[in-house]
Amino acid sequence: TQPEELYHGTATKNLDSIFRQGQVKGRRHHVHMSTNKETMIQVGMRHGKPALLAINAMQMLADGHLFYVTGNQVWLTDHVPSQYLRVATE
């Protein structure tokens, strides 16, 4: 079942770039997301001061973007355009 909202953890130093070009996969195969805020905050902490991004996954799906989910409930997509992103409250 497609969640209404997904989360991505990053460092605050990356926010300007993310909101300019969207969340890109970089050297990875996909952008990684989760329904678990705490896990994504921990991911962001690995890269500096953490920031939690909320992704409007339902609207992305309605607009034709594809999602994949792994067996351990990691959600994947190729790119998250900035209009679907906002900084989430922890």
N, C-alpha and C. Protein backbone atom coordinates (compact mmCIF):
# COMPACT_ATOMS: atom_id res chain seq x y z
N THR A 1 0.84 -1.18 0.00
CA THR A 1 0.00 0.00 0.00
C THR A 1 0.88 1.24 0.00
N GLN A 2 0.59 2.11 -0.91
CA GLN A 2 1.36 3.35 -1.03
C GLN A 2 1.09 4.26 0.16
N PRO A 3 2.12 4.64 0.93
CA PRO A 3 1.92 5.59 2.02
C PRO A 3 1.59 6.99 1.50
N GLU A 4 0.85 7.72 2.29
CA GLU A 4 0.54 9.12 1.96
C GLU A 4 1.82 9.95 1.91
N GLU A 5 2.69 9.69 2.88
CA GLU A 5 3.91 10.48 3.02
C GLU A 5 5.08 9.55 3.31
N LEU A 6 6.23 9.85 2.73
CA LEU A 6 7.47 9.15 3.01
C LEU A 6 8.49 10.15 3.51
N TYR A 7 9.57 9.65 4.09
CA TYR A 7 10.58 10.53 4.68
C TYR A 7 11.97 10.17 4.15
N HIS A 8 12.80 11.19 4.08
CA HIS A 8 14.19 11.03 3.65
C HIS A 8 15.06 11.83 4.60
N GLY A 9 16.13 11.20 5.06
CA GLY A 9 17.06 11.88 5.95
C GLY A 9 18.26 12.40 5.19
N THR A 10 18.66 13.61 5.49
CA THR A 10 19.82 14.23 4.85
C THR A 10 20.46 15.18 5.85
N ALA A 11 21.49 15.86 5.43
CA ALA A 11 22.12 16.87 6.26
C ALA A 11 21.58 18.25 5.88
N THR A 12 21.51 19.15 6.85
CA THR A 12 20.99 20.49 6.58
C THR A 12 21.79 21.20 5.50
N LYS A 13 23.09 20.89 5.40
CA LYS A 13 23.93 21.54 4.39
C LYS A 13 23.49 21.20 2.97
N ASN A 14 22.69 20.16 2.79
CA ASN A 14 22.23 19.74 1.47
C ASN A 14 20.89 20.34 1.06
N LEU A 15 20.21 21.02 1.96
CA LEU A 15 18.84 21.46 1.70
C LEU A 15 18.71 22.43 0.53
N ASP A 16 19.60 23.40 0.43
CA ASP A 16 19.51 24.36 -0.68
C ASP A 16 19.57 23.64 -2.02
N SER A 17 20.50 22.75 -2.17
CA SER A 17 20.66 21.99 -3.41
C SER A 17 19.43 21.11 -3.67
N ILE A 18 18.94 20.45 -2.64
CA ILE A 18 17.78 19.57 -2.79
C ILE A 18 16.56 20.36 -3.23
N PHE A 19 16.32 21.52 -2.64
CA PHE A 19 15.15 22.29 -3.02
C PHE A 19 15.32 22.98 -4.37
N ARG A 20 16.55 23.07 -4.85
CA ARG A 20 16.81 23.62 -6.18
C ARG A 20 16.59 22.56 -7.27
N GLN A 21 17.11 21.35 -7.05
CA GLN A 21 17.07 20.33 -8.10
C GLN A 21 16.24 19.11 -7.75
N GLY A 22 15.65 19.08 -6.58
CA GLY A 22 14.93 17.90 -6.13
C GLY A 22 15.89 16.93 -5.48
N GLN A 23 15.33 15.85 -4.97
CA GLN A 23 16.18 14.83 -4.34
C GLN A 23 16.63 13.87 -5.44
N VAL A 24 17.93 13.86 -5.70
CA VAL A 24 18.49 13.01 -6.75
C VAL A 24 19.18 11.80 -6.13
N LYS A 25 19.31 10.76 -6.92
CA LYS A 25 19.89 9.52 -6.41
C LYS A 25 21.41 9.57 -6.26
N GLY A 26 22.04 10.53 -6.92
CA GLY A 26 23.50 10.65 -6.82
C GLY A 26 24.19 9.40 -7.33
N ARG A 27 25.08 8.83 -6.54
CA ARG A 27 25.80 7.62 -6.95
C ARG A 27 25.02 6.35 -6.65
N ARG A 28 23.87 6.48 -6.05
CA ARG A 28 23.06 5.30 -5.73
C ARG A 28 22.14 4.98 -6.90
N HIS A 29 21.52 3.82 -6.82
CA HIS A 29 20.59 3.40 -7.87
C HIS A 29 19.24 4.11 -7.75
N HIS A 30 18.87 4.50 -6.52
CA HIS A 30 17.58 5.14 -6.27
C HIS A 30 17.68 6.09 -5.08
N VAL A 31 16.69 6.95 -4.94
CA VAL A 31 16.50 7.74 -3.72
C VAL A 31 15.85 6.81 -2.71
N HIS A 32 16.39 6.76 -1.50
CA HIS A 32 15.88 5.89 -0.44
C HIS A 32 14.98 6.67 0.51
N MET A 33 13.83 6.08 0.84
CA MET A 33 12.85 6.72 1.72
C MET A 33 12.28 5.67 2.67
N SER A 34 11.59 6.15 3.69
CA SER A 34 10.97 5.25 4.66
C SER A 34 9.74 5.92 5.26
N THR A 35 8.90 5.11 5.87
CA THR A 35 7.79 5.64 6.66
C THR A 35 8.24 5.92 8.09
N ASN A 36 9.45 5.51 8.44
CA ASN A 36 9.96 5.63 9.80
C ASN A 36 10.82 6.89 9.93
N LYS A 37 10.29 7.90 10.59
CA LYS A 37 11.00 9.17 10.76
C LYS A 37 12.31 9.00 11.51
N GLU A 38 12.28 8.22 12.58
CA GLU A 38 13.47 8.07 13.43
C GLU A 38 14.64 7.47 12.64
N THR A 39 14.35 6.47 11.83
CA THR A 39 15.40 5.86 11.01
C THR A 39 15.99 6.89 10.06
N MET A 40 15.15 7.68 9.45
CA MET A 40 15.63 8.66 8.48
C MET A 40 16.42 9.79 9.15
N ILE A 41 16.06 10.14 10.37
CA ILE A 41 16.86 11.13 11.12
C ILE A 41 18.25 10.56 11.38
N GLN A 42 18.33 9.28 11.74
CA GLN A 42 19.62 8.64 11.97
C GLN A 42 20.46 8.62 10.69
N VAL A 43 19.81 8.38 9.56
CA VAL A 43 20.52 8.42 8.28
C VAL A 43 21.09 9.82 8.04
N GLY A 44 20.29 10.85 8.29
CA GLY A 44 20.75 12.22 8.12
C GLY A 44 21.92 12.56 9.02
N MET A 45 21.95 11.99 10.21
CA MET A 45 23.02 12.26 11.18
C MET A 45 24.37 11.75 10.68
N ARG A 46 24.37 10.79 9.79
CA ARG A 46 25.63 10.25 9.25
C ARG A 46 26.32 11.27 8.35
N HIS A 47 25.58 12.30 7.92
CA HIS A 47 26.12 13.25 6.96
C HIS A 47 26.29 14.66 7.53
N GLY A 48 26.01 14.84 8.80
CA GLY A 48 26.11 16.15 9.43
C GLY A 48 24.88 16.41 10.28
N LYS A 49 24.57 17.69 10.49
CA LYS A 49 23.37 18.05 11.24
C LYS A 49 22.15 17.56 10.46
N PRO A 50 21.31 16.71 11.06
CA PRO A 50 20.24 16.07 10.28
C PRO A 50 19.07 16.98 9.95
N ALA A 51 18.49 16.70 8.80
CA ALA A 51 17.24 17.33 8.37
C ALA A 51 16.34 16.20 7.88
N LEU A 52 15.09 16.29 8.20
CA LEU A 52 14.11 15.29 7.79
C LEU A 52 13.21 15.90 6.72
N LEU A 53 13.17 15.26 5.58
CA LEU A 53 12.32 15.72 4.48
C LEU A 53 11.07 14.85 4.40
N ALA A 54 9.93 15.47 4.25
CA ALA A 54 8.67 14.77 4.01
C ALA A 54 8.39 14.83 2.52
N ILE A 55 7.96 13.70 1.99
CA ILE A 55 7.69 13.58 0.56
C ILE A 55 6.23 13.25 0.37
N ASN A 56 5.54 14.03 -0.44
CA ASN A 56 4.13 13.80 -0.75
C ASN A 56 4.06 12.65 -1.76
N ALA A 57 4.16 11.43 -1.23
CA ALA A 57 4.24 10.23 -2.07
C ALA A 57 2.96 9.97 -2.84
N MET A 58 1.81 10.23 -2.26
CA MET A 58 0.54 9.99 -2.95
C MET A 58 0.41 10.90 -4.17
N GLN A 59 0.81 12.15 -4.03
CA GLN A 59 0.71 13.06 -5.17
C GLN A 59 1.72 12.68 -6.25
N MET A 60 2.92 12.26 -5.82
CA MET A 60 3.90 11.81 -6.80
C MET A 60 3.35 10.63 -7.60
N LEU A 61 2.76 9.67 -6.91
CA LEU A 61 2.19 8.50 -7.57
C LEU A 61 1.07 8.93 -8.53
N ALA A 62 0.19 9.81 -8.06
CA ALA A 62 -0.91 10.30 -8.91
C ALA A 62 -0.38 11.01 -10.15
N ASP A 63 0.79 11.62 -10.03
CA ASP A 63 1.39 12.35 -11.15
C ASP A 63 2.25 11.44 -12.05
N GLY A 64 2.26 10.14 -11.76
CA GLY A 64 2.93 9.19 -12.63
C GLY A 64 4.31 8.74 -12.24
N HIS A 65 4.80 9.15 -11.08
CA HIS A 65 6.12 8.71 -10.63
C HIS A 65 6.02 7.29 -10.08
N LEU A 66 7.05 6.50 -10.31
CA LEU A 66 7.06 5.11 -9.87
C LEU A 66 7.81 4.96 -8.55
N PHE A 67 7.30 4.07 -7.72
CA PHE A 67 7.94 3.71 -6.45
C PHE A 67 8.15 2.20 -6.43
N TYR A 68 9.18 1.80 -5.71
CA TYR A 68 9.47 0.39 -5.48
C TYR A 68 9.65 0.24 -3.98
N VAL A 69 9.31 -0.91 -3.45
CA VAL A 69 9.52 -1.15 -2.02
C VAL A 69 10.28 -2.46 -1.86
N THR A 70 11.28 -2.42 -0.97
CA THR A 70 12.09 -3.61 -0.72
C THR A 70 11.43 -4.46 0.36
N GLY A 71 11.97 -5.64 0.57
CA GLY A 71 11.45 -6.55 1.59
C GLY A 71 11.55 -5.99 2.99
N ASN A 72 12.51 -5.09 3.23
CA ASN A 72 12.64 -4.49 4.57
C ASN A 72 12.02 -3.10 4.63
N GLN A 73 11.06 -2.83 3.74
CA GLN A 73 10.24 -1.62 3.75
C GLN A 73 11.00 -0.33 3.48
N VAL A 74 12.05 -0.42 2.67
CA VAL A 74 12.70 0.79 2.16
C VAL A 74 12.02 1.11 0.84
N TRP A 75 11.56 2.33 0.71
CA TRP A 75 10.89 2.79 -0.50
C TRP A 75 11.91 3.46 -1.40
N LEU A 76 11.81 3.22 -2.69
CA LEU A 76 12.79 3.70 -3.66
C LEU A 76 12.08 4.42 -4.81
N THR A 77 12.75 5.41 -5.36
CA THR A 77 12.30 6.07 -6.58
C THR A 77 13.53 6.66 -7.26
N ASP A 78 13.39 7.06 -8.52
CA ASP A 78 14.52 7.59 -9.26
C ASP A 78 14.85 9.03 -8.93
N HIS A 79 13.84 9.83 -8.61
CA HIS A 79 14.04 11.26 -8.38
C HIS A 79 12.80 11.81 -7.68
N VAL A 80 12.98 12.72 -6.74
CA VAL A 80 11.86 13.39 -6.09
C VAL A 80 11.94 14.87 -6.45
N PRO A 81 11.10 15.32 -7.38
CA PRO A 81 11.10 16.75 -7.71
C PRO A 81 10.78 17.60 -6.48
N SER A 82 11.34 18.79 -6.45
CA SER A 82 11.25 19.63 -5.25
C SER A 82 9.82 20.01 -4.87
N GLN A 83 8.89 20.05 -5.81
CA GLN A 83 7.51 20.42 -5.46
C GLN A 83 6.84 19.39 -4.54
N TYR A 84 7.41 18.20 -4.41
CA TYR A 84 6.83 17.18 -3.53
C TYR A 84 7.52 17.14 -2.16
N LEU A 85 8.46 18.02 -1.94
CA LEU A 85 9.27 18.00 -0.71
C LEU A 85 8.93 19.16 0.22
N ARG A 86 9.08 18.87 1.51
CA ARG A 86 9.03 19.91 2.53
C ARG A 86 9.87 19.42 3.70
N VAL A 87 10.37 20.35 4.49
CA VAL A 87 11.09 19.96 5.71
C VAL A 87 10.04 19.54 6.72
N ALA A 88 10.24 18.36 7.28
CA ALA A 88 9.27 17.79 8.24
C ALA A 88 9.66 18.17 9.66
N THR A 89 8.68 18.20 10.51
CA THR A 89 8.96 18.35 11.93
C THR A 89 9.23 16.96 12.48
N GLU A 90 10.16 16.88 13.38
CA GLU A 90 10.52 15.58 13.95
C GLU A 90 9.48 15.25 14.94
